[in-house]
Amino acid sequence: MGKVDTVTKAYMRKNNIFADAFNYLIYDGKPVVNPEQLRELDTTEIALPFGLQENEKGPSNDLVQKYRDILKSAVVMQEDEAAYILLGIENQTDIHYAMPVRNMIYDALQYGKQVADTAANHRKNDKSFRKRTSGEYLSGFYKEDVLKPVVTLVIHFGADEWDAPLSLHEMMEVRSEKLLHYIQDYRIHLIDPANLTEEDLVKFTSSLREVMEYIKYSKDKDNLARILKDNPRMVIDREAAMVIKTITNTSIEIAEGKEEIDMCEAVEAMLSESEAKGIEKGMQQGKKEGIEIGELRMLVKQIKKGRLTIEEAAEDAAMSVEEFRKVMESNVR
């Protein structure tokens, strides 16, 4: 796992950030998904062929295994009724042009896992299992069993606009509405900084707002300066600052053990240090050039006084005779 993956996963795994992302996506920023009710789940998605008994051994290629970035269970209230759902996040620093297929596989495997787990539980704990209908017995899934809905969200941690397909249909050449009606579609849910408006950004209540905003304007110096100037919200948690630093290659200092980072101060300190280094480098270069010019003038004078030949002077200046002759013809006198 690369540093970028590690940093973004650590950040999005935080319950308050995770909940904020889904509250923005589903509930227009309203605090419906409660961070305290989120429970992290195993991100390994394994699908077993339906009907395969728990103690049976099928061919190894019958098992399909994938790994999500983050998966959590949540309980949300819908019209005075609790809804149990699974929420998954896929972090993307690069644009993925087959994301609809990738997410569809993750979701399908999760539903397959739910069916397989339900069937295994019935076979193990239900003494009347063999008395069920043939359809229930073969699938292991009873008529009254239900699945937990799965919602997968893609978060793009990049400044460039996401220009990849957002649905399965967009990945196909078929344009016939009649034919597409019979081809199952699959759309991805996406948070893309480049497409977030100011109205969108204020719907985030956590530091995810500042992370998305900084990434959005990371290539726009004027707007970046605007959002950094005297902005109290730019005092963000360490993980958020690490995401900004890693994704945008901003060379800010993040001290060990410091849990809150003032991005305004950090960026100002970085710019001041950069400016100071630039001035120092310029002074050193100017001093070096000054010494070189002074030495060349001295050698030219020595030639004019007959104390050195042009060949000797060229050797002292580490130049060819032709190069030194051009120096003599220039203004270095």
Protein backbone atom coordinates (compact mmCIF):
# COMPACT_ATOMS: atom_id res chain seq x y z
CA MET A 1 0.00 0.00 0.00
CA GLY A 2 1.45 3.39 -1.02
CA LYS A 3 1.70 6.42 1.24
CA VAL A 4 -1.23 8.14 -0.47
CA ASP A 5 -3.49 5.12 0.08
CA THR A 6 -2.42 4.84 3.70
CA VAL A 7 -3.04 8.53 4.41
CA THR A 8 -6.44 8.74 2.70
CA LYS A 9 -7.70 5.52 4.29
CA ALA A 10 -6.60 6.62 7.76
CA TYR A 11 -8.46 9.89 7.26
CA MET A 12 -11.70 8.52 5.78
CA ARG A 13 -11.78 5.71 8.37
CA LYS A 14 -12.48 8.28 11.10
CA ASN A 15 -16.18 7.97 11.94
CA ASN A 16 -16.93 11.70 11.91
CA ILE A 17 -15.33 12.12 8.47
CA PHE A 18 -16.96 8.97 7.11
CA ALA A 19 -20.40 10.05 8.37
CA ASP A 20 -19.92 13.56 6.98
CA ALA A 21 -19.29 12.18 3.49
CA PHE A 22 -22.50 10.15 3.47
CA ASN A 23 -24.57 12.88 5.08
CA TYR A 24 -23.48 15.12 2.21
CA LEU A 25 -24.19 12.46 -0.41
CA ILE A 26 -27.56 11.19 0.81
CA TYR A 27 -29.01 13.80 3.15
CA ASP A 28 -27.80 17.11 1.69
CA GLY A 29 -25.57 17.71 4.70
CA LYS A 30 -28.14 16.96 7.41
CA PRO A 31 -26.63 14.92 10.31
CA VAL A 32 -28.61 11.71 9.76
CA VAL A 33 -25.74 9.20 9.78
CA ASN A 34 -24.51 9.21 13.37
CA PRO A 35 -20.72 8.68 13.72
CA GLU A 36 -21.26 6.94 17.07
CA GLN A 37 -23.43 4.27 15.43
CA LEU A 38 -20.92 3.32 12.74
CA ARG A 39 -19.22 -0.05 13.07
CA GLU A 40 -16.24 -0.98 10.93
CA LEU A 41 -16.48 -4.27 9.04
CA ASP A 42 -14.04 -6.61 7.36
CA THR A 43 -13.37 -5.19 3.90
CA THR A 44 -12.71 -8.62 2.37
CA GLU A 45 -15.53 -9.48 -0.01
CA ILE A 46 -15.73 -13.22 -0.72
CA ALA A 47 -18.44 -14.75 -2.86
CA LEU A 48 -19.29 -18.43 -2.65
CA PRO A 49 -21.33 -20.20 -5.34
CA PHE A 50 -24.93 -20.41 -4.19
CA GLY A 51 -25.87 -23.88 -3.03
CA LEU A 52 -22.33 -24.86 -2.05
CA GLN A 53 -22.56 -26.53 1.35
CA GLU A 54 -20.41 -25.16 4.13
CA ASN A 55 -18.45 -28.41 4.43
CA GLU A 56 -18.11 -28.95 0.71
CA LYS A 57 -14.97 -28.09 -1.18
CA GLY A 58 -15.53 -26.52 -4.54
CA PRO A 59 -12.85 -25.71 -7.13
CA SER A 60 -10.56 -22.90 -6.01
CA ASN A 61 -11.68 -20.73 -8.92
CA ASP A 62 -15.23 -20.81 -7.56
CA LEU A 63 -14.17 -18.36 -4.86
CA VAL A 64 -13.96 -14.67 -5.71
CA GLN A 65 -12.19 -12.31 -3.33
CA LYS A 66 -11.82 -8.53 -3.41
CA TYR A 67 -10.80 -5.89 -0.89
CA ARG A 68 -12.70 -2.66 -0.40
CA ASP A 69 -11.04 0.44 1.04
CA ILE A 70 -13.49 0.99 3.91
CA LEU A 71 -16.79 -0.68 4.88
CA LYS A 72 -18.97 0.23 7.87
CA SER A 73 -22.43 -0.72 9.09
CA ALA A 74 -24.85 2.05 10.02
CA VAL A 75 -28.28 2.47 11.56
CA VAL A 76 -30.26 5.43 10.20
CA MET A 77 -33.78 6.56 10.99
CA GLN A 78 -36.15 6.72 8.04
CA GLU A 79 -39.64 7.98 8.82
CA ASP A 80 -39.47 6.78 12.43
CA GLU A 81 -38.11 3.41 11.31
CA ALA A 82 -34.54 2.20 11.78
CA ALA A 83 -32.80 1.18 8.57
CA TYR A 84 -29.74 -1.06 8.74
CA ILE A 85 -27.37 -0.35 5.86
CA LEU A 86 -23.77 -0.97 4.82
CA LEU A 87 -21.69 1.99 3.67
CA GLY A 88 -18.50 1.62 1.66
CA ILE A 89 -15.93 4.16 0.51
CA GLU A 90 -13.44 3.84 -2.31
CA ASN A 91 -10.66 6.46 -2.29
CA GLN A 92 -9.30 7.42 -5.72
CA THR A 93 -6.30 9.66 -6.23
CA ASP A 94 -6.23 8.76 -9.92
CA ILE A 95 -9.23 8.79 -12.22
CA HIS A 96 -10.46 5.22 -12.80
CA TYR A 97 -12.14 4.71 -16.18
CA ALA A 98 -13.83 1.43 -15.23
CA MET A 99 -15.13 2.52 -11.81
CA PRO A 100 -18.77 1.50 -12.47
CA VAL A 101 -17.65 -2.10 -13.09
CA ARG A 102 -15.30 -2.09 -10.11
CA ASN A 103 -17.97 -0.81 -7.71
CA MET A 104 -20.59 -3.13 -9.14
CA ILE A 105 -18.32 -6.10 -8.39
CA TYR A 106 -17.74 -4.90 -4.81
CA ASP A 107 -21.47 -4.49 -4.19
CA ALA A 108 -22.38 -7.77 -5.87
CA LEU A 109 -19.79 -9.63 -3.80
CA GLN A 110 -21.13 -8.05 -0.61
CA TYR A 111 -24.68 -9.17 -1.45
CA GLY A 112 -23.33 -12.61 -2.32
CA LYS A 113 -21.53 -12.70 1.04
CA GLN A 114 -24.76 -11.82 2.84
CA VAL A 115 -26.59 -14.68 1.11
CA ALA A 116 -23.75 -17.11 1.85
CA ASP A 117 -23.54 -16.05 5.52
CA THR A 118 -27.32 -16.33 5.92
CA ALA A 119 -27.31 -19.79 4.36
CA ALA A 120 -24.43 -20.94 6.55
CA ASN A 121 -26.25 -19.70 9.65
CA HIS A 122 -29.44 -21.55 8.68
CA ARG A 123 -27.60 -24.80 8.03
CA LYS A 124 -25.77 -24.55 11.34
CA ASN A 125 -28.51 -23.33 13.66
CA ASP A 126 -31.90 -24.15 12.10
CA LYS A 127 -32.93 -27.71 12.93
CA SER A 128 -35.83 -27.47 10.47
CA PHE A 129 -33.54 -26.48 7.61
CA ARG A 130 -33.99 -29.74 5.70
CA LYS A 131 -37.77 -29.42 5.97
CA ARG A 132 -37.78 -26.13 4.08
CA THR A 133 -38.97 -25.88 0.48
CA SER A 134 -36.59 -27.13 -2.18
CA GLY A 135 -35.91 -23.54 -3.30
CA GLU A 136 -35.05 -22.41 0.22
CA TYR A 137 -32.98 -25.51 0.88
CA LEU A 138 -30.95 -25.18 -2.32
CA SER A 139 -30.25 -21.47 -1.94
CA GLY A 140 -30.02 -21.49 1.84
CA PHE A 141 -31.96 -18.21 1.69
CA TYR A 142 -35.49 -18.27 3.09
CA LYS A 143 -38.45 -16.48 1.62
CA GLU A 144 -38.59 -14.11 4.61
CA ASP A 145 -34.83 -13.36 4.65
CA VAL A 146 -33.73 -9.87 3.62
CA LEU A 147 -30.51 -8.22 2.50
CA LYS A 148 -28.90 -5.13 4.01
CA PRO A 149 -28.63 -2.36 1.40
CA VAL A 150 -25.11 -1.40 0.30
CA VAL A 151 -24.16 2.14 -0.70
CA THR A 152 -20.69 2.67 -2.15
CA LEU A 153 -19.21 6.16 -2.45
CA VAL A 154 -16.16 7.10 -4.52
CA ILE A 155 -14.11 10.02 -3.21
CA HIS A 156 -11.73 11.53 -5.73
CA PHE A 157 -8.66 13.01 -4.05
CA GLY A 158 -7.44 14.88 -7.11
CA ALA A 159 -7.63 18.44 -8.47
CA ASP A 160 -8.38 17.43 -12.07
CA GLU A 161 -12.04 17.05 -12.99
CA TRP A 162 -13.30 13.46 -13.03
CA ASP A 163 -13.89 12.72 -16.72
CA ALA A 164 -14.48 8.96 -16.44
CA PRO A 165 -17.86 7.23 -16.95
CA LEU A 166 -20.31 7.50 -14.07
CA SER A 167 -22.43 4.54 -15.15
CA LEU A 168 -22.23 1.18 -16.84
CA HIS A 169 -24.31 2.45 -19.78
CA GLU A 170 -21.76 5.22 -20.39
CA MET A 171 -19.11 2.55 -20.91
CA MET A 172 -21.06 0.99 -23.78
CA GLU A 173 -21.45 1.90 -27.45
CA VAL A 174 -25.13 0.98 -27.41
CA ARG A 175 -27.35 4.04 -27.87
CA SER A 176 -30.69 2.40 -28.49
CA GLU A 177 -33.03 3.40 -25.64
CA LYS A 178 -35.12 0.30 -26.28
CA LEU A 179 -32.11 -2.01 -25.94
CA LEU A 180 -30.63 -0.07 -22.98
CA HIS A 181 -33.93 -0.55 -21.18
CA TYR A 182 -33.10 -4.26 -20.91
CA ILE A 183 -29.42 -3.80 -20.04
CA GLN A 184 -29.02 -3.36 -16.29
CA ASP A 185 -27.27 -0.10 -15.47
CA TYR A 186 -25.04 0.66 -12.53
CA ARG A 187 -24.20 4.21 -11.48
CA ILE A 188 -21.43 5.32 -9.17
CA HIS A 189 -21.80 7.93 -6.42
CA LEU A 190 -18.92 10.40 -6.57
CA ILE A 191 -17.49 13.29 -4.60
CA ASP A 192 -15.19 15.19 -6.96
CA PRO A 193 -13.50 18.37 -5.64
CA ALA A 194 -13.34 20.01 -9.08
CA ASN A 195 -17.13 19.82 -9.40
CA LEU A 196 -17.99 20.96 -5.89
CA THR A 197 -19.54 24.43 -5.75
CA GLU A 198 -19.27 26.82 -2.81
CA GLU A 199 -22.84 25.79 -1.92
CA ASP A 200 -21.77 22.13 -1.94
CA LEU A 201 -18.72 22.72 0.24
CA VAL A 202 -20.66 24.35 3.08
CA LYS A 203 -22.74 21.16 3.42
CA PHE A 204 -19.71 19.38 4.88
CA THR A 205 -19.43 19.88 8.62
CA SER A 206 -16.05 18.23 9.27
CA SER A 207 -12.54 18.99 8.00
CA LEU A 208 -13.57 17.16 4.83
CA ARG A 209 -14.78 20.59 3.66
CA GLU A 210 -11.30 22.09 3.97
CA VAL A 211 -9.63 19.04 2.41
CA MET A 212 -11.93 19.12 -0.63
CA GLU A 213 -11.65 22.90 -0.89
CA TYR A 214 -7.84 22.90 -0.70
CA ILE A 215 -7.60 20.16 -3.34
CA LYS A 216 -10.11 21.97 -5.56
CA TYR A 217 -8.05 25.18 -5.55
CA SER A 218 -4.58 23.61 -5.25
CA LYS A 219 -3.74 24.73 -8.81
CA ASP A 220 -5.37 28.15 -8.45
CA LYS A 221 -3.07 30.42 -6.42
CA ASP A 222 -5.51 33.31 -6.12
CA ASN A 223 -8.39 31.21 -4.81
CA LEU A 224 -6.05 29.20 -2.60
CA ALA A 225 -4.81 32.42 -1.01
CA ARG A 226 -8.43 33.50 -0.57
CA ILE A 227 -9.51 30.40 1.34
CA LEU A 228 -6.38 30.45 3.50
CA LYS A 229 -6.53 34.11 4.48
CA ASP A 230 -7.76 34.58 8.06
CA ASN A 231 -9.83 31.39 7.88
CA PRO A 232 -10.51 29.94 11.36
CA ARG A 233 -11.79 26.69 9.81
CA MET A 234 -8.31 26.08 8.40
CA VAL A 235 -7.19 24.85 11.82
CA ILE A 236 -7.69 21.18 10.99
CA ASP A 237 -6.96 17.76 12.44
CA ARG A 238 -3.61 16.12 11.80
CA GLU A 239 -5.00 13.45 9.44
CA ALA A 240 -6.67 16.11 7.26
CA ALA A 241 -3.42 18.08 7.06
CA MET A 242 -1.56 14.91 6.09
CA VAL A 243 -4.03 14.30 3.25
CA ILE A 244 -3.56 17.85 1.95
CA LYS A 245 0.22 17.62 2.22
CA THR A 246 0.42 14.23 0.50
CA ILE A 247 -2.15 14.78 -2.24
CA THR A 248 -1.16 18.33 -3.25
CA ASN A 249 2.59 18.02 -2.53
CA THR A 250 2.41 21.07 -0.27
CA SER A 251 5.68 21.13 1.68
CA ILE A 252 4.22 22.10 5.04
CA GLU A 253 5.74 21.02 8.34
CA ILE A 254 3.57 18.75 10.52
CA ALA A 255 5.24 18.33 13.89
CA GLU A 256 5.10 14.96 15.59
CA GLY A 257 2.47 14.74 18.29
CA LYS A 258 0.64 17.86 17.14
CA GLU A 259 -3.05 16.97 16.70
CA GLU A 260 -4.23 20.26 15.17
CA ILE A 261 -2.53 22.07 12.29
CA ASP A 262 -3.13 25.71 11.37
CA MET A 263 -2.92 25.48 7.59
CA CYS A 264 -2.77 29.27 7.21
CA GLU A 265 0.32 29.44 9.42
CA ALA A 266 1.84 26.29 7.93
CA VAL A 267 1.54 27.52 4.34
CA GLU A 268 2.77 31.02 5.29
CA ALA A 269 5.79 29.50 7.04
CA MET A 270 6.46 27.32 3.99
CA LEU A 271 6.31 30.32 1.64
CA SER A 272 8.52 32.44 3.91
CA GLU A 273 11.12 29.67 4.09
CA SER A 274 10.95 29.22 0.33
CA GLU A 275 11.40 32.94 -0.22
CA ALA A 276 14.32 33.08 2.21
CA LYS A 277 16.01 30.18 0.44
CA GLY A 278 15.47 31.91 -2.89
CA ILE A 279 17.06 35.13 -1.63
CA GLU A 280 20.02 33.23 -0.15
CA LYS A 281 20.50 31.30 -3.37
CA GLY A 282 20.37 34.51 -5.37
CA MET A 283 22.95 36.15 -3.12
CA GLN A 284 25.25 33.15 -3.39
CA GLN A 285 24.84 33.05 -7.17
CA GLY A 286 25.44 36.78 -7.42
CA LYS A 287 28.54 36.48 -5.26
CA LYS A 288 29.83 33.60 -7.38
CA GLU A 289 29.20 35.49 -10.61
CA GLY A 290 30.80 38.58 -9.15
CA ILE A 291 33.96 36.64 -8.29
CA GLU A 292 34.04 35.06 -11.76
CA ILE A 293 33.64 38.41 -13.50
CA GLY A 294 36.32 39.97 -11.28
CA GLU A 295 38.75 37.15 -12.07
CA LEU A 296 38.09 37.44 -15.79
CA ARG A 297 38.70 41.19 -15.73
CA MET A 298 41.99 40.62 -13.94
CA LEU A 299 43.11 38.05 -16.52
CA VAL A 300 42.21 40.40 -19.40
CA LYS A 301 44.30 43.17 -17.79
CA GLN A 302 47.23 40.77 -17.38
CA ILE A 303 47.12 39.99 -21.10
CA LYS A 304 46.99 43.67 -22.04
CA LYS A 305 50.02 44.34 -19.85
CA GLY A 306 51.86 41.50 -21.52
CA ARG A 307 52.19 39.46 -18.36
CA LEU A 308 50.08 36.56 -19.70
CA THR A 309 49.45 35.08 -23.09
CA ILE A 310 45.84 34.48 -24.13
CA GLU A 311 46.56 30.74 -23.95
CA GLU A 312 47.73 31.03 -20.33
CA ALA A 313 44.76 33.20 -19.35
CA ALA A 314 42.32 30.79 -20.99
CA GLU A 315 43.88 27.89 -19.07
CA ASP A 316 43.56 29.81 -15.76
CA ALA A 317 39.87 30.52 -16.51
CA ALA A 318 39.22 26.87 -17.49
CA MET A 319 38.13 27.98 -20.97
CA SER A 320 39.19 27.34 -24.52
CA VAL A 321 41.21 30.05 -26.26
CA GLU A 322 38.21 30.78 -28.50
CA GLU A 323 35.88 31.15 -25.49
CA PHE A 324 38.33 33.49 -23.75
CA ARG A 325 38.74 35.55 -26.95
CA LYS A 326 34.95 36.09 -26.93
CA VAL A 327 35.20 37.20 -23.30
CA MET A 328 37.80 39.76 -24.27
CA GLU A 329 35.55 41.04 -27.06
CA SER A 330 32.65 41.42 -24.63
CA ASN A 331 32.19 44.11 -22.00
CA VAL A 332 34.34 42.30 -19.44
CA ARG A 333 37.19 44.78 -19.40
